[in-house]
């Protein structure tokens, strides 16, 4: 999930809490929620989100590596020039994506 969607989800959650506080007539809680919304997500929340994003990137990076290993094995065992060419194109595409993901991890 990207940062904008996560921030939107955070805000939606707090607005839901505000509506619930309004339904139960808890004005103190409503004020606390408004103050939290004004201040934005806490650093702790941002750290959690960032950690989740890194975990997702690592999962994608590892999945790309696994797929590349499979494709190299197919390429090595194939006797069809057409299949080798297709596999090589897939390998190039996955290598490019792996570089992009790697840059995001640094």
N, C-alpha and C. Protein backbone atom coordinates (compact mmCIF):
# COMPACT_ATOMS: atom_id res chain seq x y z
N UNK A 1 0.85 -1.16 0.00
CA UNK A 1 0.00 0.00 0.00
C UNK A 1 0.90 1.24 0.00
N UNK A 2 0.58 2.18 -0.88
CA UNK A 2 1.43 3.36 -0.92
C UNK A 2 1.09 4.33 0.22
N UNK A 3 1.95 5.29 0.40
CA UNK A 3 1.84 6.21 1.55
C UNK A 3 0.54 7.03 1.50
N UNK A 4 0.12 7.46 0.33
CA UNK A 4 -1.10 8.27 0.24
C UNK A 4 -2.32 7.44 0.62
N UNK A 5 -2.38 6.21 0.14
CA UNK A 5 -3.51 5.34 0.49
C UNK A 5 -3.50 5.03 1.99
N UNK A 6 -2.32 4.82 2.55
CA UNK A 6 -2.24 4.53 3.97
C UNK A 6 -2.68 5.73 4.80
N UNK A 7 -2.29 6.92 4.38
CA UNK A 7 -2.71 8.12 5.10
C UNK A 7 -4.22 8.32 4.97
N UNK A 8 -4.75 8.03 3.80
CA UNK A 8 -6.20 8.13 3.59
C UNK A 8 -6.94 7.12 4.47
N UNK A 9 -6.41 5.91 4.56
CA UNK A 9 -7.02 4.88 5.41
C UNK A 9 -6.96 5.31 6.87
N UNK A 10 -5.84 5.87 7.28
CA UNK A 10 -5.68 6.36 8.66
C UNK A 10 -6.76 7.41 8.96
N UNK A 11 -6.91 8.36 8.04
CA UNK A 11 -7.89 9.42 8.24
C UNK A 11 -9.32 8.85 8.26
N UNK A 12 -9.62 7.94 7.35
CA UNK A 12 -10.95 7.31 7.34
C UNK A 12 -11.23 6.61 8.66
N UNK A 13 -10.23 5.93 9.20
CA UNK A 13 -10.42 5.24 10.48
C UNK A 13 -10.74 6.22 11.60
N UNK A 14 -10.03 7.33 11.62
CA UNK A 14 -10.28 8.33 12.67
C UNK A 14 -11.63 9.03 12.48
N UNK A 15 -12.04 9.23 11.25
CA UNK A 15 -13.35 9.82 11.01
C UNK A 15 -14.46 8.85 11.44
N UNK A 16 -14.24 7.56 11.22
CA UNK A 16 -15.20 6.56 11.72
C UNK A 16 -15.28 6.61 13.25
N UNK A 17 -14.12 6.72 13.89
CA UNK A 17 -14.11 6.83 15.35
C UNK A 17 -14.85 8.09 15.80
N UNK A 18 -14.63 9.19 15.09
CA UNK A 18 -15.31 10.44 15.42
C UNK A 18 -16.82 10.27 15.32
N UNK A 19 -17.28 9.63 14.23
CA UNK A 19 -18.72 9.41 14.06
C UNK A 19 -19.28 8.53 15.19
N UNK A 20 -18.52 7.52 15.58
CA UNK A 20 -18.97 6.66 16.67
C UNK A 20 -19.03 7.45 17.98
N UNK A 21 -17.99 8.26 18.25
CA UNK A 21 -17.99 9.08 19.46
C UNK A 21 -19.18 10.03 19.46
N UNK A 22 -19.54 10.53 18.28
CA UNK A 22 -20.70 11.41 18.17
C UNK A 22 -21.99 10.64 18.48
N UNK A 23 -22.09 9.42 17.97
CA UNK A 23 -23.28 8.59 18.20
C UNK A 23 -23.48 8.29 19.68
N UNK A 24 -22.39 8.09 20.40
CA UNK A 24 -22.52 7.77 21.83
C UNK A 24 -22.42 9.02 22.70
N UNK A 25 -22.41 10.19 22.07
CA UNK A 25 -22.37 11.48 22.76
C UNK A 25 -21.18 11.63 23.71
N UNK A 26 -20.01 11.23 23.24
CA UNK A 26 -18.78 11.36 24.05
C UNK A 26 -17.99 12.55 23.51
N UNK A 27 -18.28 13.73 24.04
CA UNK A 27 -17.66 14.96 23.52
C UNK A 27 -16.17 15.03 23.83
N UNK A 28 -15.74 14.46 24.94
CA UNK A 28 -14.31 14.47 25.28
C UNK A 28 -13.54 13.65 24.26
N UNK A 29 -14.07 12.48 23.94
CA UNK A 29 -13.40 11.62 22.97
C UNK A 29 -13.40 12.27 21.59
N UNK A 30 -14.51 12.92 21.21
CA UNK A 30 -14.57 13.62 19.93
C UNK A 30 -13.48 14.67 19.83
N UNK A 31 -13.28 15.45 20.90
CA UNK A 31 -12.23 16.48 20.89
C UNK A 31 -10.85 15.85 20.75
N UNK A 32 -10.63 14.74 21.43
CA UNK A 32 -9.33 14.05 21.34
C UNK A 32 -9.10 13.55 19.91
N UNK A 33 -10.14 13.06 19.29
CA UNK A 33 -10.02 12.58 17.91
C UNK A 33 -9.73 13.74 16.96
N UNK A 34 -10.42 14.86 17.15
CA UNK A 34 -10.17 16.04 16.31
C UNK A 34 -8.72 16.50 16.47
N UNK A 35 -8.24 16.52 17.69
CA UNK A 35 -6.84 16.92 17.94
C UNK A 35 -5.86 15.95 17.25
N UNK A 36 -6.15 14.68 17.32
CA UNK A 36 -5.30 13.68 16.66
C UNK A 36 -5.29 13.89 15.15
N UNK A 37 -6.46 14.17 14.59
CA UNK A 37 -6.55 14.40 13.14
C UNK A 37 -5.76 15.66 12.76
N UNK A 38 -5.88 16.70 13.57
CA UNK A 38 -5.12 17.94 13.29
C UNK A 38 -3.62 17.70 13.28
N UNK A 39 -3.15 16.87 14.21
CA UNK A 39 -1.71 16.61 14.33
C UNK A 39 -1.20 15.60 13.32
N UNK A 40 -2.10 14.86 12.70
CA UNK A 40 -1.70 13.86 11.71
C UNK A 40 -1.20 12.58 12.37
N UNK A 41 -0.85 11.60 11.52
CA UNK A 41 -0.38 10.32 12.05
C UNK A 41 0.87 10.49 12.92
N UNK A 42 0.95 9.70 13.95
CA UNK A 42 2.11 9.77 14.84
C UNK A 42 3.34 9.20 14.15
N UNK A 43 4.51 9.51 14.69
CA UNK A 43 5.76 8.96 14.15
C UNK A 43 5.76 7.44 14.28
N UNK A 44 5.17 6.95 15.36
CA UNK A 44 5.09 5.50 15.56
C UNK A 44 4.29 4.86 14.43
N UNK A 45 3.18 5.48 14.08
CA UNK A 45 2.35 4.97 12.98
C UNK A 45 3.16 4.99 11.68
N UNK A 46 3.86 6.08 11.43
CA UNK A 46 4.67 6.19 10.22
C UNK A 46 5.76 5.13 10.19
N UNK A 47 6.37 4.85 11.35
CA UNK A 47 7.40 3.81 11.42
C UNK A 47 6.83 2.44 11.11
N UNK A 48 5.64 2.16 11.63
CA UNK A 48 4.99 0.88 11.36
C UNK A 48 4.69 0.74 9.88
N UNK A 49 4.16 1.79 9.28
CA UNK A 49 3.83 1.78 7.86
C UNK A 49 5.09 1.56 7.04
N UNK A 50 6.15 2.28 7.39
CA UNK A 50 7.40 2.15 6.65
C UNK A 50 7.95 0.73 6.78
N UNK A 51 7.85 0.15 7.96
CA UNK A 51 8.30 -1.22 8.17
C UNK A 51 7.51 -2.20 7.34
N UNK A 52 6.20 -1.99 7.24
CA UNK A 52 5.35 -2.86 6.44
C UNK A 52 5.71 -2.75 4.95
N UNK A 53 6.01 -1.55 4.52
CA UNK A 53 6.39 -1.35 3.12
C UNK A 53 7.70 -2.07 2.82
N UNK A 54 8.66 -1.97 3.74
CA UNK A 54 9.95 -2.66 3.55
C UNK A 54 9.76 -4.16 3.50
N UNK A 55 8.92 -4.69 4.40
CA UNK A 55 8.65 -6.13 4.40
C UNK A 55 8.06 -6.57 3.07
N UNK A 56 7.12 -5.77 2.54
CA UNK A 56 6.51 -6.10 1.25
C UNK A 56 7.54 -6.06 0.14
N UNK A 57 8.41 -5.07 0.15
CA UNK A 57 9.46 -4.98 -0.86
C UNK A 57 10.41 -6.18 -0.78
N UNK A 58 10.77 -6.59 0.42
CA UNK A 58 11.63 -7.77 0.58
C UNK A 58 10.95 -9.02 0.07
N UNK A 59 9.65 -9.16 0.33
CA UNK A 59 8.92 -10.33 -0.18
C UNK A 59 8.94 -10.33 -1.71
N UNK A 60 8.71 -9.15 -2.30
CA UNK A 60 8.74 -9.06 -3.76
C UNK A 60 10.14 -9.36 -4.29
N UNK A 61 11.16 -8.82 -3.65
CA UNK A 61 12.55 -9.04 -4.07
C UNK A 61 12.87 -10.54 -4.05
N UNK A 62 12.50 -11.22 -2.96
CA UNK A 62 12.76 -12.65 -2.84
C UNK A 62 11.96 -13.46 -3.87
N UNK A 63 10.73 -13.06 -4.12
CA UNK A 63 9.91 -13.75 -5.13
C UNK A 63 10.52 -13.59 -6.52
N UNK A 64 11.04 -12.40 -6.79
CA UNK A 64 11.70 -12.17 -8.08
C UNK A 64 12.93 -13.06 -8.21
N UNK A 65 13.71 -13.16 -7.15
CA UNK A 65 14.88 -14.04 -7.19
C UNK A 65 14.49 -15.50 -7.44
N UNK A 66 13.45 -15.96 -6.75
CA UNK A 66 12.98 -17.33 -6.94
C UNK A 66 12.55 -17.57 -8.38
N UNK A 67 11.81 -16.62 -8.94
CA UNK A 67 11.35 -16.76 -10.32
C UNK A 67 12.53 -16.74 -11.30
N UNK A 68 13.52 -15.89 -11.03
CA UNK A 68 14.70 -15.85 -11.90
C UNK A 68 15.44 -17.18 -11.88
N UNK A 69 15.57 -17.79 -10.72
CA UNK A 69 16.22 -19.10 -10.63
C UNK A 69 15.47 -20.12 -11.48
N UNK A 70 14.14 -20.11 -11.39
CA UNK A 70 13.33 -21.02 -12.21
C UNK A 70 13.56 -20.79 -13.69
N UNK A 71 13.57 -19.52 -14.09
CA UNK A 71 13.74 -19.20 -15.51
C UNK A 71 15.13 -19.57 -16.01
N UNK A 72 16.16 -19.38 -15.20
CA UNK A 72 17.50 -19.78 -15.61
C UNK A 72 17.57 -21.30 -15.81
N UNK A 73 16.88 -22.05 -14.95
CA UNK A 73 16.86 -23.51 -15.10
C UNK A 73 16.13 -23.90 -16.39
N UNK A 74 15.03 -23.23 -16.69
CA UNK A 74 14.29 -23.51 -17.93
C UNK A 74 15.17 -23.20 -19.13
N UNK A 75 15.83 -22.06 -19.08
CA UNK A 75 16.68 -21.64 -20.20
C UNK A 75 17.81 -22.64 -20.41
N UNK A 76 18.39 -23.09 -19.34
CA UNK A 76 19.52 -24.03 -19.42
C UNK A 76 19.09 -25.38 -20.00
N UNK A 77 17.88 -25.82 -19.66
CA UNK A 77 17.44 -27.15 -20.10
C UNK A 77 16.70 -27.14 -21.43
N UNK A 78 16.39 -25.97 -21.95
CA UNK A 78 15.60 -25.88 -23.17
C UNK A 78 16.45 -26.11 -24.41
N UNK A 79 15.84 -26.76 -25.40
CA UNK A 79 16.51 -26.95 -26.68
C UNK A 79 15.85 -26.11 -27.78
N UNK A 80 14.76 -25.43 -27.44
CA UNK A 80 14.04 -24.61 -28.40
C UNK A 80 14.57 -23.18 -28.36
N UNK A 81 15.05 -22.71 -29.52
CA UNK A 81 15.55 -21.34 -29.60
C UNK A 81 14.45 -20.32 -29.30
N UNK A 82 13.24 -20.62 -29.73
CA UNK A 82 12.12 -19.72 -29.46
C UNK A 82 11.86 -19.63 -27.96
N UNK A 83 11.83 -20.78 -27.28
CA UNK A 83 11.61 -20.78 -25.83
C UNK A 83 12.74 -20.06 -25.10
N UNK A 84 13.95 -20.27 -25.53
CA UNK A 84 15.10 -19.60 -24.91
C UNK A 84 14.97 -18.09 -25.06
N UNK A 85 14.55 -17.62 -26.23
CA UNK A 85 14.39 -16.18 -26.47
C UNK A 85 13.29 -15.59 -25.57
N UNK A 86 12.17 -16.29 -25.44
CA UNK A 86 11.07 -15.83 -24.59
C UNK A 86 11.51 -15.78 -23.14
N UNK A 87 12.18 -16.84 -22.70
CA UNK A 87 12.66 -16.90 -21.32
C UNK A 87 13.67 -15.79 -21.06
N UNK A 88 14.54 -15.52 -22.02
CA UNK A 88 15.53 -14.45 -21.86
C UNK A 88 14.85 -13.09 -21.71
N UNK A 89 13.78 -12.86 -22.46
CA UNK A 89 13.04 -11.61 -22.33
C UNK A 89 12.41 -11.49 -20.95
N UNK A 90 11.84 -12.59 -20.45
CA UNK A 90 11.27 -12.59 -19.11
C UNK A 90 12.34 -12.32 -18.05
N UNK A 91 13.49 -12.93 -18.24
CA UNK A 91 14.61 -12.73 -17.31
C UNK A 91 14.99 -11.26 -17.27
N UNK A 92 15.10 -10.63 -18.42
CA UNK A 92 15.48 -9.21 -18.48
C UNK A 92 14.44 -8.34 -17.77
N UNK A 93 13.17 -8.64 -18.00
CA UNK A 93 12.10 -7.87 -17.35
C UNK A 93 12.16 -8.02 -15.84
N UNK A 94 12.34 -9.25 -15.36
CA UNK A 94 12.41 -9.49 -13.92
C UNK A 94 13.67 -8.88 -13.30
N UNK A 95 14.78 -8.92 -14.02
CA UNK A 95 16.00 -8.28 -13.51
C UNK A 95 15.81 -6.78 -13.35
N UNK A 96 15.12 -6.17 -14.32
CA UNK A 96 14.86 -4.73 -14.25
C UNK A 96 14.00 -4.41 -13.04
N UNK A 97 12.95 -5.20 -12.83
CA UNK A 97 12.08 -4.97 -11.67
C UNK A 97 12.85 -5.19 -10.37
N UNK A 98 13.72 -6.20 -10.35
CA UNK A 98 14.51 -6.46 -9.14
C UNK A 98 15.42 -5.27 -8.84
N UNK A 99 16.00 -4.66 -9.85
CA UNK A 99 16.80 -3.45 -9.64
C UNK A 99 15.97 -2.32 -9.05
N UNK A 100 14.76 -2.14 -9.57
CA UNK A 100 13.88 -1.08 -9.06
C UNK A 100 13.53 -1.32 -7.59
N UNK A 101 13.19 -2.56 -7.26
CA UNK A 101 12.84 -2.90 -5.89
C UNK A 101 14.08 -2.72 -5.00
N UNK A 102 15.22 -3.15 -5.48
CA UNK A 102 16.47 -2.99 -4.71
C UNK A 102 16.76 -1.53 -4.40
N UNK A 103 16.52 -0.66 -5.34
CA UNK A 103 16.74 0.78 -5.11
C UNK A 103 15.81 1.31 -4.03
N UNK A 104 14.58 0.81 -4.00
CA UNK A 104 13.62 1.23 -2.98
C UNK A 104 14.01 0.73 -1.59
N UNK A 105 14.73 -0.37 -1.55
CA UNK A 105 15.15 -0.93 -0.27
C UNK A 105 16.34 -0.22 0.35
N UNK A 106 17.10 0.48 -0.46
CA UNK A 106 18.31 1.15 0.04
C UNK A 106 17.96 2.46 0.70
